[in-house]
Amino acid sequence: MPRYRLDIEYDGTPYAGWQRQDGQPSVQQAIEDAVEAFCGEAVRLRAAGRTDAGVHATGQVAHLDLGRDWPAETVRNALNAHLGMAGHTVCILAAAIAPEDFDARFSATARHYLYRILNRRAPPALERQRAWWVPKPLDAPRMAQAAATLVGRHDFTTFRSAHCQANSPVRTLDRLDVTRAGDLIEIRASARSFLHNQVRSMVGTLKRAGEGAWSAGDVRAALEARDRSRCAGLAPPEGLYLVRVDY
């Protein structure tokens, strides 16, 4: 039974998230339905990360097992055809035959996220549902200074959802960079794994720093408090992208 790795891109706006959910559209179900339409097999995909409702991906990875040894290009092309006919905003960038012990989730060594903030007075037209519109001016260097206090191995209780199911709140954040190009602020985060809502929680707090309401010391104090109520806010999902997974 061959195992296939799928590299996936999607606009998460119409979906309740990656994970299959009763009565709600999901990216997982869209692809699983496309597989069944293609080869008649009911499969369950395992993904590198379960993105939330409204979150996008340019580099999601999933794997599945099929009963027949199909050429990888045939799998990619057939799935894209069925996804397109069904009107989904999902595409398979690449398909490849993977080793039988490859696991999209547990074989991953790093995950990389991008968060985009459109920082200008005028509301978005082209960037609607693709970035967080913040009309109040933000100080990107101040945000970068605050972000540096979160890099490293810490207890991130302050920056995880109250519904997070991870056994431990301790994570090693390898990267949290803030850059600005014109009206667009980009925040890039990298770690082996993230807690539920961790990136959006950190971005919401960095926004407060960019507004001048919090200093880098305030962000550090919130981290060290290990208290979810100390998080400055949760950034909306539309600015978040899963951009790459390393193996």
C-alpha atoms as a PDB file:
ATOM      1  CA  MET A   1       0.000   0.000   0.000  1.00  0.00           C
ATOM      2  CA  PRO A   2       1.920   3.083  -1.202  1.00  0.00           C
ATOM      3  CA  ARG A   3       2.085   6.201   0.942  1.00  0.00           C
ATOM      4  CA  TYR A   4       1.905   9.633  -0.685  1.00  0.00           C
ATOM      5  CA  ARG A   5       3.065  12.984   0.579  1.00  0.00           C
ATOM      6  CA  LEU A   6       0.941  15.940  -0.518  1.00  0.00           C
ATOM      7  CA  ASP A   7       2.132  19.547  -0.479  1.00  0.00           C
ATOM      8  CA  ILE A   8      -0.956  21.735  -0.242  1.00  0.00           C
ATOM      9  CA  GLU A   9      -1.967  25.359  -0.711  1.00  0.00           C
ATOM     10  CA  TYR A  10      -5.309  26.777   0.362  1.00  0.00           C
ATOM     11  CA  ASP A  11      -7.309  29.886   1.046  1.00  0.00           C
ATOM     12  CA  GLY A  12      -8.797  29.080   4.434  1.00  0.00           C
ATOM     13  CA  THR A  13     -11.563  31.699   4.275  1.00  0.00           C
ATOM     14  CA  PRO A  14     -14.467  29.340   3.373  1.00  0.00           C
ATOM     15  CA  TYR A  15     -13.453  26.570   5.774  1.00  0.00           C
ATOM     16  CA  ALA A  16     -13.945  25.794   9.451  1.00  0.00           C
ATOM     17  CA  GLY A  17     -10.265  24.824   9.548  1.00  0.00           C
ATOM     18  CA  TRP A  18      -8.148  21.931   8.355  1.00  0.00           C
ATOM     19  CA  GLN A  19      -9.762  19.202  10.434  1.00  0.00           C
ATOM     20  CA  ARG A  20     -12.891  17.367   9.291  1.00  0.00           C
ATOM     21  CA  GLN A  21     -15.925  18.551  11.296  1.00  0.00           C
ATOM     22  CA  ASP A  22     -19.534  17.397  11.186  1.00  0.00           C
ATOM     23  CA  GLY A  23     -21.755  19.773   9.264  1.00  0.00           C
ATOM     24  CA  GLN A  24     -18.974  22.243   8.409  1.00  0.00           C
ATOM     25  CA  PRO A  25     -16.647  22.510   5.417  1.00  0.00           C
ATOM     26  CA  SER A  26     -13.003  21.660   6.065  1.00  0.00           C
ATOM     27  CA  VAL A  27      -9.849  21.437   3.975  1.00  0.00           C
ATOM     28  CA  GLN A  28      -9.317  17.846   5.059  1.00  0.00           C
ATOM     29  CA  GLN A  29     -12.756  16.792   3.893  1.00  0.00           C
ATOM     30  CA  ALA A  30     -12.369  18.627   0.586  1.00  0.00           C
ATOM     31  CA  ILE A  31      -9.236  16.627  -0.235  1.00  0.00           C
ATOM     32  CA  GLU A  32     -10.587  13.340   1.115  1.00  0.00           C
ATOM     33  CA  ASP A  33     -13.709  13.768  -1.046  1.00  0.00           C
ATOM     34  CA  ALA A  34     -11.475  14.471  -4.048  1.00  0.00           C
ATOM     35  CA  VAL A  35      -9.524  11.263  -3.363  1.00  0.00           C
ATOM     36  CA  GLU A  36     -12.729   9.243  -3.246  1.00  0.00           C
ATOM     37  CA  ALA A  37     -13.983  10.844  -6.461  1.00  0.00           C
ATOM     38  CA  PHE A  38     -10.655  10.041  -8.124  1.00  0.00           C
ATOM     39  CA  CYS A  39     -10.100   6.413  -7.115  1.00  0.00           C
ATOM     40  CA  GLY A  40     -13.100   5.323  -5.059  1.00  0.00           C
ATOM     41  CA  GLU A  41     -11.135   5.004  -1.812  1.00  0.00           C
ATOM     42  CA  ALA A  42     -12.266   6.476   1.513  1.00  0.00           C
ATOM     43  CA  VAL A  43      -9.087   7.745   3.160  1.00  0.00           C
ATOM     44  CA  ARG A  44      -8.089   9.812   6.189  1.00  0.00           C
ATOM     45  CA  LEU A  45      -5.374  12.379   5.757  1.00  0.00           C
ATOM     46  CA  ARG A  46      -2.889  13.266   8.477  1.00  0.00           C
ATOM     47  CA  ALA A  47      -1.531  16.825   8.245  1.00  0.00           C
ATOM     48  CA  ALA A  48       1.514  18.548   9.661  1.00  0.00           C
ATOM     49  CA  GLY A  49      -0.702  21.066  11.441  1.00  0.00           C
ATOM     50  CA  ARG A  50      -4.405  21.568  12.086  1.00  0.00           C
ATOM     51  CA  THR A  51      -4.918  25.141  10.989  1.00  0.00           C
ATOM     52  CA  ASP A  52      -7.929  26.982  12.426  1.00  0.00           C
ATOM     53  CA  ALA A  53     -10.923  28.484  10.618  1.00  0.00           C
ATOM     54  CA  GLY A  54      -9.853  31.238   8.238  1.00  0.00           C
ATOM     55  CA  VAL A  55      -6.129  30.407   8.379  1.00  0.00           C
ATOM     56  CA  HIS A  56      -4.347  29.933   5.044  1.00  0.00           C
ATOM     57  CA  ALA A  57      -1.502  27.721   3.876  1.00  0.00           C
ATOM     58  CA  THR A  58       1.098  27.927   1.138  1.00  0.00           C
ATOM     59  CA  GLY A  59       3.040  24.895   2.392  1.00  0.00           C
ATOM     60  CA  GLN A  60       0.796  22.509   4.327  1.00  0.00           C
ATOM     61  CA  VAL A  61       1.880  18.856   4.185  1.00  0.00           C
ATOM     62  CA  ALA A  62      -0.285  15.760   4.562  1.00  0.00           C
ATOM     63  CA  HIS A  63       0.048  12.060   3.845  1.00  0.00           C
ATOM     64  CA  LEU A  64      -2.329   9.295   2.806  1.00  0.00           C
ATOM     65  CA  ASP A  65      -2.169   5.623   1.855  1.00  0.00           C
ATOM     66  CA  LEU A  66      -3.766   4.327  -1.341  1.00  0.00           C
ATOM     67  CA  GLY A  67      -4.526   0.760  -2.327  1.00  0.00           C
ATOM     68  CA  ARG A  68      -3.068   1.145  -5.817  1.00  0.00           C
ATOM     69  CA  ASP A  69       0.349   2.333  -6.931  1.00  0.00           C
ATOM     70  CA  TRP A  70      -0.591   5.453  -8.895  1.00  0.00           C
ATOM     71  CA  PRO A  71       2.039   7.731 -10.490  1.00  0.00           C
ATOM     72  CA  ALA A  72       2.522  10.742  -8.201  1.00  0.00           C
ATOM     73  CA  GLU A  73       1.728  13.200 -11.008  1.00  0.00           C
ATOM     74  CA  THR A  74      -1.536  11.394 -11.682  1.00  0.00           C
ATOM     75  CA  VAL A  75      -2.515  11.747  -8.022  1.00  0.00           C
ATOM     76  CA  ARG A  76      -1.720  15.473  -8.028  1.00  0.00           C
ATOM     77  CA  ASN A  77      -3.484  16.199 -11.307  1.00  0.00           C
ATOM     78  CA  ALA A  78      -6.564  14.120 -10.528  1.00  0.00           C
ATOM     79  CA  LEU A  79      -7.040  15.653  -7.086  1.00  0.00           C
ATOM     80  CA  ASN A  80      -6.681  19.168  -8.465  1.00  0.00           C
ATOM     81  CA  ALA A  81      -9.230  18.400 -11.156  1.00  0.00           C
ATOM     82  CA  HIS A  82     -11.809  17.189  -8.648  1.00  0.00           C
ATOM     83  CA  LEU A  83     -11.069  20.016  -6.193  1.00  0.00           C
ATOM     84  CA  GLY A  84     -11.552  22.515  -9.005  1.00  0.00           C
ATOM     85  CA  MET A  85     -14.813  20.956 -10.196  1.00  0.00           C
ATOM     86  CA  ALA A  86     -16.134  21.134  -6.622  1.00  0.00           C
ATOM     87  CA  GLY A  87     -15.241  24.820  -6.373  1.00  0.00           C
ATOM     88  CA  HIS A  88     -12.740  24.462  -3.531  1.00  0.00           C
ATOM     89  CA  THR A  89     -10.009  27.029  -2.840  1.00  0.00           C
ATOM     90  CA  VAL A  90      -7.524  24.193  -2.301  1.00  0.00           C
ATOM     91  CA  CYS A  91      -4.816  22.865  -4.596  1.00  0.00           C
ATOM     92  CA  ILE A  92      -2.204  20.117  -4.436  1.00  0.00           C
ATOM     93  CA  LEU A  93       1.137  21.730  -5.268  1.00  0.00           C
ATOM     94  CA  ALA A  94       2.982  18.405  -5.415  1.00  0.00           C
ATOM     95  CA  ALA A  95       2.477  14.718  -4.715  1.00  0.00           C
ATOM     96  CA  ALA A  96       5.296  12.260  -4.094  1.00  0.00           C
ATOM     97  CA  ILE A  97       5.620   8.634  -3.062  1.00  0.00           C
ATOM     98  CA  ALA A  98       6.945   8.664   0.501  1.00  0.00           C
ATOM     99  CA  PRO A  99       8.645   6.049   2.697  1.00  0.00           C
ATOM    100  CA  GLU A 100       6.159   3.888   4.574  1.00  0.00           C
ATOM    101  CA  ASP A 101       7.306   5.348   7.901  1.00  0.00           C
ATOM    102  CA  PHE A 102       6.819   8.966   6.774  1.00  0.00           C
ATOM    103  CA  ASP A 103       4.300  10.799   8.935  1.00  0.00           C
ATOM    104  CA  ALA A 104       3.300  14.338   7.984  1.00  0.00           C
ATOM    105  CA  ARG A 105       2.815  15.283  11.618  1.00  0.00           C
ATOM    106  CA  PHE A 106       5.320  13.295  13.633  1.00  0.00           C
ATOM    107  CA  SER A 107       8.190  13.309  11.110  1.00  0.00           C
ATOM    108  CA  ALA A 108       8.232  17.116  10.978  1.00  0.00           C
ATOM    109  CA  THR A 109      11.303  18.826  12.427  1.00  0.00           C
ATOM    110  CA  ALA A 110      10.122  22.441  12.072  1.00  0.00           C
ATOM    111  CA  ARG A 111       7.069  24.464  11.142  1.00  0.00           C
ATOM    112  CA  HIS A 112       7.182  27.972   9.729  1.00  0.00           C
ATOM    113  CA  TYR A 113       4.356  30.510   9.899  1.00  0.00           C
ATOM    114  CA  LEU A 114       3.875  33.973   8.438  1.00  0.00           C
ATOM    115  CA  TYR A 115       1.524  36.602   9.810  1.00  0.00           C
ATOM    116  CA  ARG A 116       0.675  39.623   7.626  1.00  0.00           C
ATOM    117  CA  ILE A 117      -0.575  42.971   8.953  1.00  0.00           C
ATOM    118  CA  LEU A 118      -1.793  45.659   6.553  1.00  0.00           C
ATOM    119  CA  ASN A 119      -0.999  48.858   8.452  1.00  0.00           C
ATOM    120  CA  ARG A 120      -2.621  51.869   6.774  1.00  0.00           C
ATOM    121  CA  ARG A 121      -5.629  54.133   7.173  1.00  0.00           C
ATOM    122  CA  ALA A 122      -7.392  52.901   4.026  1.00  0.00           C
ATOM    123  CA  PRO A 123      -9.179  49.552   4.342  1.00  0.00           C
ATOM    124  CA  PRO A 124      -8.064  46.620   2.179  1.00  0.00           C
ATOM    125  CA  ALA A 125      -9.554  45.793  -1.179  1.00  0.00           C
ATOM    126  CA  LEU A 126      -7.194  43.186  -2.648  1.00  0.00           C
ATOM    127  CA  GLU A 127      -5.910  42.089   0.782  1.00  0.00           C
ATOM    128  CA  ARG A 128      -9.329  41.523   2.318  1.00  0.00           C
ATOM    129  CA  GLN A 129      -9.292  38.175   4.217  1.00  0.00           C
ATOM    130  CA  ARG A 130      -5.549  37.922   3.407  1.00  0.00           C
ATOM    131  CA  ALA A 131      -4.126  40.171   6.114  1.00  0.00           C
ATOM    132  CA  TRP A 132      -5.103  41.844   9.403  1.00  0.00           C
ATOM    133  CA  TRP A 133      -6.038  45.449   8.712  1.00  0.00           C
ATOM    134  CA  VAL A 134      -4.741  47.715  11.484  1.00  0.00           C
ATOM    135  CA  PRO A 135      -5.409  51.407  10.706  1.00  0.00           C
ATOM    136  CA  LYS A 136      -3.508  52.763  13.725  1.00  0.00           C
ATOM    137  CA  PRO A 137       0.215  53.314  12.986  1.00  0.00           C
ATOM    138  CA  LEU A 138       2.475  50.550  14.298  1.00  0.00           C
ATOM    139  CA  ASP A 139       6.161  50.846  15.179  1.00  0.00           C
ATOM    140  CA  ALA A 140       7.730  47.749  13.586  1.00  0.00           C
ATOM    141  CA  PRO A 141      11.173  48.145  15.249  1.00  0.00           C
ATOM    142  CA  ARG A 142       9.453  48.334  18.633  1.00  0.00           C
ATOM    143  CA  MET A 143       7.516  45.167  17.760  1.00  0.00           C
ATOM    144  CA  ALA A 144      10.765  43.449  16.752  1.00  0.00           C
ATOM    145  CA  GLN A 145      12.347  44.381  20.074  1.00  0.00           C
ATOM    146  CA  ALA A 146       9.384  42.911  21.930  1.00  0.00           C
ATOM    147  CA  ALA A 147       9.429  39.776  19.749  1.00  0.00           C
ATOM    148  CA  ALA A 148      13.046  39.087  20.718  1.00  0.00           C
ATOM    149  CA  THR A 149      11.978  38.535  24.344  1.00  0.00           C
ATOM    150  CA  LEU A 150       9.865  35.542  23.280  1.00  0.00           C
ATOM    151  CA  VAL A 151      12.548  33.670  21.329  1.00  0.00           C
ATOM    152  CA  GLY A 152      13.994  30.611  23.076  1.00  0.00           C
ATOM    153  CA  ARG A 153      12.664  27.838  25.286  1.00  0.00           C
ATOM    154  CA  HIS A 154       9.862  29.034  27.556  1.00  0.00           C
ATOM    155  CA  ASP A 155       6.602  28.128  29.217  1.00  0.00           C
ATOM    156  CA  PHE A 156       4.132  29.733  26.785  1.00  0.00           C
ATOM    157  CA  THR A 157       1.001  29.317  28.912  1.00  0.00           C
ATOM    158  CA  THR A 158       0.210  33.025  28.424  1.00  0.00           C
ATOM    159  CA  PHE A 159       0.211  32.548  24.659  1.00  0.00           C
ATOM    160  CA  ARG A 160      -1.848  29.407  24.201  1.00  0.00           C
ATOM    161  CA  SER A 161      -5.575  28.810  23.946  1.00  0.00           C
ATOM    162  CA  ALA A 162      -7.440  27.785  27.065  1.00  0.00           C
ATOM    163  CA  HIS A 163      -8.596  24.805  24.983  1.00  0.00           C
ATOM    164  CA  CYS A 164      -5.076  23.741  23.970  1.00  0.00           C
ATOM    165  CA  GLN A 165      -4.672  19.975  24.398  1.00  0.00           C
ATOM    166  CA  ALA A 166      -0.858  19.857  24.427  1.00  0.00           C
ATOM    167  CA  ASN A 167       0.584  17.983  27.389  1.00  0.00           C
ATOM    168  CA  SER A 168       3.125  20.715  28.120  1.00  0.00           C
ATOM    169  CA  PRO A 169       3.113  24.491  27.526  1.00  0.00           C
ATOM    170  CA  VAL A 170       6.901  24.486  27.103  1.00  0.00           C
ATOM    171  CA  ARG A 171       8.099  25.147  23.562  1.00  0.00           C
ATOM    172  CA  THR A 172      11.283  26.329  21.891  1.00  0.00           C
ATOM    173  CA  LEU A 173      10.613  29.290  19.624  1.00  0.00           C
ATOM    174  CA  ASP A 174      13.481  29.428  17.125  1.00  0.00           C
ATOM    175  CA  ARG A 175      12.449  32.573  15.289  1.00  0.00           C
ATOM    176  CA  LEU A 176      10.075  35.510  15.697  1.00  0.00           C
ATOM    177  CA  ASP A 177      11.051  38.239  13.228  1.00  0.00           C
ATOM    178  CA  VAL A 178       9.197  41.456  12.452  1.00  0.00           C
ATOM    179  CA  THR A 179       9.861  43.342   9.216  1.00  0.00           C
ATOM    180  CA  ARG A 180       8.112  46.149   7.375  1.00  0.00           C
ATOM    181  CA  ALA A 181       7.863  46.944   3.652  1.00  0.00           C
ATOM    182  CA  GLY A 182       5.631  49.931   2.977  1.00  0.00           C
ATOM    183  CA  ASP A 183       2.209  49.322   4.508  1.00  0.00           C
ATOM    184  CA  LEU A 184       2.825  45.612   5.097  1.00  0.00           C
ATOM    185  CA  ILE A 185       4.252  44.242   8.349  1.00  0.00           C
ATOM    186  CA  GLU A 186       5.324  40.591   8.250  1.00  0.00           C
ATOM    187  CA  ILE A 187       5.909  38.469  11.333  1.00  0.00           C
ATOM    188  CA  ARG A 188       7.660  35.137  10.763  1.00  0.00           C
ATOM    189  CA  ALA A 189       7.672  32.433  13.434  1.00  0.00           C
ATOM    190  CA  SER A 190       9.533  29.116  13.400  1.00  0.00           C
ATOM    191  CA  ALA A 191       9.570  26.225  15.877  1.00  0.00           C
ATOM    192  CA  ARG A 192       9.463  22.455  15.904  1.00  0.00           C
ATOM    193  CA  SER A 193       5.866  22.712  17.115  1.00  0.00           C
ATOM    194  CA  PHE A 194       3.446  25.365  18.317  1.00  0.00           C
ATOM    195  CA  LEU A 195       0.682  25.468  20.897  1.00  0.00           C
ATOM    196  CA  HIS A 196      -2.921  26.112  19.868  1.00  0.00           C
ATOM    197  CA  ASN A 197      -3.305  29.823  19.018  1.00  0.00           C
ATOM    198  CA  GLN A 198       0.317  30.523  19.997  1.00  0.00           C
ATOM    199  CA  VAL A 199       1.258  32.508  16.893  1.00  0.00           C
ATOM    200  CA  ARG A 200      -1.951  34.556  16.857  1.00  0.00           C
ATOM    201  CA  SER A 201      -1.600  35.244  20.593  1.00  0.00           C
ATOM    202  CA  MET A 202       1.977  36.440  20.172  1.00  0.00           C
ATOM    203  CA  VAL A 203       1.004  38.646  17.228  1.00  0.00           C
ATOM    204  CA  GLY A 204      -1.858  40.191  19.194  1.00  0.00           C
ATOM    205  CA  THR A 205       0.601  41.082  21.943  1.00  0.00           C
ATOM    206  CA  LEU A 206       3.199  42.444  19.504  1.00  0.00           C
ATOM    207  CA  LYS A 207       0.520  44.729  18.042  1.00  0.00           C
ATOM    208  CA  ARG A 208       0.077  46.282  21.486  1.00  0.00           C
ATOM    209  CA  ALA A 209       3.814  46.897  21.585  1.00  0.00           C
ATOM    210  CA  GLY A 210       3.694  48.439  18.113  1.00  0.00           C
ATOM    211  CA  GLU A 211       0.948  50.825  19.255  1.00  0.00           C
ATOM    212  CA  GLY A 212       3.185  51.963  22.101  1.00  0.00           C
ATOM    213  CA  ALA A 213       0.898  50.544  24.789  1.00  0.00           C
ATOM    214  CA  TRP A 214       3.381  47.840  25.862  1.00  0.00           C
ATOM    215  CA  SER A 215       7.157  47.791  26.136  1.00  0.00           C
ATOM    216  CA  ALA A 216       9.415  44.807  25.515  1.00  0.00           C
ATOM    217  CA  GLY A 217       9.562  44.480  29.299  1.00  0.00           C
ATOM    218  CA  ASP A 218       5.770  44.238  29.472  1.00  0.00           C
ATOM    219  CA  VAL A 219       5.801  41.423  26.912  1.00  0.00           C
ATOM    220  CA  ARG A 220       8.492  39.616  28.877  1.00  0.00           C
ATOM    221  CA  ALA A 221       6.492  40.040  32.103  1.00  0.00           C
ATOM    222  CA  ALA A 222       3.384  38.623  30.410  1.00  0.00           C
ATOM    223  CA  LEU A 223       5.392  35.592  29.263  1.00  0.00           C
ATOM    224  CA  GLU A 224       6.833  35.006  32.713  1.00  0.00           C
ATOM    225  CA  ALA A 225       3.390  35.324  34.347  1.00  0.00           C
ATOM    226  CA  ARG A 226       2.338  32.016  32.711  1.00  0.00           C
ATOM    227  CA  ASP A 227      -1.238  33.292  32.803  1.00  0.00           C
ATOM    228  CA  ARG A 228      -3.534  33.299  29.769  1.00  0.00           C
ATOM    229  CA  SER A 229      -5.330  36.404  31.049  1.00  0.00           C
ATOM    230  CA  ARG A 230      -2.059  38.352  30.608  1.00  0.00           C
ATOM    231  CA  CYS A 231      -2.109  37.893  26.817  1.00  0.00           C
ATOM    232  CA  ALA A 232      -2.760  41.264  25.188  1.00  0.00           C
ATOM    233  CA  GLY A 233      -5.129  39.867  22.576  1.00  0.00           C
ATOM    234  CA  LEU A 234      -5.678  37.279  19.863  1.00  0.00           C
ATOM    235  CA  ALA A 235      -4.930  38.340  16.295  1.00  0.00           C
ATOM    236  CA  PRO A 236      -7.613  37.333  13.762  1.00  0.00           C
ATOM    237  CA  PRO A 237      -7.044  34.243  11.599  1.00  0.00           C
ATOM    238  CA  GLU A 238      -7.027  35.874   8.170  1.00  0.00           C
ATOM    239  CA  GLY A 239      -3.438  37.123   8.463  1.00  0.00           C
ATOM    240  CA  LEU A 240      -1.927  33.736   9.319  1.00  0.00           C
ATOM    241  CA  TYR A 241      -0.278  31.372   6.836  1.00  0.00           C
ATOM    242  CA  LEU A 242       1.431  28.002   7.293  1.00  0.00           C
ATOM    243  CA  VAL A 243       4.241  28.517   4.795  1.00  0.00           C
ATOM    244  CA  ARG A 244       6.586  25.538   5.201  1.00  0.00           C
ATOM    245  CA  VAL A 245       7.176  22.324   7.091  1.00  0.00           C
ATOM    246  CA  ASP A 246      10.657  20.819   7.394  1.00  0.00           C
ATOM    247  CA  TYR A 247      11.460  17.117   7.558  1.00  0.00           C
END
